[in-house]
Amino acid sequence: MKHNPDDRRDNVERIQFNIDHTIRNIELVEEMMAETDDPKTIQALKKKNERREDALERMRLEIRDEAIDREKGYE
């Protein structure tokens, strides 16, 4: 059985897409929080955005590493 080769050529673009999508979701949730008065909903949405912020931090580190590896030719 053959495994798929590790093709990392589009990793930077894929990660950037995910970063952009996550930022947009954070913005949408902030808009939703501004339009609701329900404390439970606001708290749940805040927690989601906190998790998104953590994910953004990890994605930014990953994209940096991938960009460095790309420059080095994925040695």
Protein backbone atom coordinates (compact mmCIF):
# COMPACT_ATOMS: atom_id res chain seq x y z
CA MET A 1 0.00 0.00 0.00
CA LYS A 2 1.36 3.42 -1.00
CA HIS A 3 0.93 6.46 1.20
CA ASN A 4 0.39 9.94 -0.19
CA PRO A 5 3.55 12.01 -0.46
CA ASP A 6 3.86 15.06 1.79
CA ASP A 7 3.03 17.95 -0.55
CA ARG A 8 3.59 21.14 1.40
CA ARG A 9 3.72 23.58 -1.53
CA ASP A 10 0.34 25.16 -0.71
CA ASN A 11 0.58 25.10 3.08
CA VAL A 12 1.29 28.82 3.43
CA GLU A 13 -1.74 29.73 1.30
CA ARG A 14 -3.96 27.17 3.05
CA ILE A 15 -2.97 28.44 6.49
CA GLN A 16 -3.46 32.06 5.38
CA PHE A 17 -6.95 31.16 4.14
CA ASN A 18 -7.73 29.64 7.54
CA ILE A 19 -6.37 32.72 9.33
CA ASP A 20 -8.52 35.03 7.19
CA HIS A 21 -11.59 32.84 7.75
CA THR A 22 -11.01 32.75 11.52
CA ILE A 23 -10.59 36.53 11.71
CA ARG A 24 -13.86 36.97 9.80
CA ASN A 25 -15.62 34.61 12.23
CA ILE A 26 -14.29 36.62 15.18
CA GLU A 27 -15.65 39.81 13.63
CA LEU A 28 -19.05 38.23 12.97
CA VAL A 29 -19.30 37.00 16.55
CA GLU A 30 -18.39 40.44 17.88
CA GLU A 31 -21.26 41.86 15.81
CA MET A 32 -23.59 39.19 17.21
CA MET A 33 -22.53 40.00 20.77
CA ALA A 34 -23.32 43.67 20.19
CA GLU A 35 -26.84 42.76 19.09
CA THR A 36 -27.80 40.45 21.96
CA ASP A 37 -28.72 41.11 25.56
CA ASP A 38 -28.58 37.48 26.71
CA PRO A 39 -25.64 37.10 29.15
CA LYS A 40 -25.35 33.34 28.55
CA THR A 41 -25.13 33.83 24.79
CA ILE A 42 -22.58 36.61 25.19
CA GLN A 43 -20.47 34.45 27.50
CA ALA A 44 -20.59 31.49 25.10
CA LEU A 45 -19.63 33.70 22.16
CA LYS A 46 -16.75 35.24 24.13
CA LYS A 47 -15.40 31.77 24.91
CA LYS A 48 -15.60 30.81 21.23
CA ASN A 49 -13.66 33.92 20.27
CA GLU A 50 -11.05 33.20 22.94
CA ARG A 51 -10.52 29.76 21.40
CA ARG A 52 -10.32 31.35 17.96
CA GLU A 53 -7.70 33.82 19.19
CA ASP A 54 -5.65 30.92 20.57
CA ALA A 55 -5.97 29.11 17.23
CA LEU A 56 -4.89 32.27 15.38
CA GLU A 57 -1.76 32.44 17.47
CA ARG A 58 -0.87 28.84 16.62
CA MET A 59 -1.67 29.34 12.92
CA ARG A 60 0.55 32.42 12.77
CA LEU A 61 3.44 30.43 14.22
CA GLU A 62 2.76 27.60 11.79
CA ILE A 63 2.61 29.90 8.76
CA ARG A 64 5.92 31.46 9.80
CA ASP A 65 7.54 28.04 10.05
CA GLU A 66 6.09 26.97 6.70
CA ALA A 67 7.30 30.16 5.01
CA ILE A 68 10.81 29.60 6.37
CA ASP A 69 10.75 25.98 5.20
CA ARG A 70 9.51 27.07 1.78
CA GLU A 71 12.40 29.52 1.46
CA LYS A 72 14.83 26.75 2.35
CA GLY A 73 13.28 24.44 -0.24
CA TYR A 74 11.61 22.13 2.32
CA GLU A 75 14.86 20.46 3.30
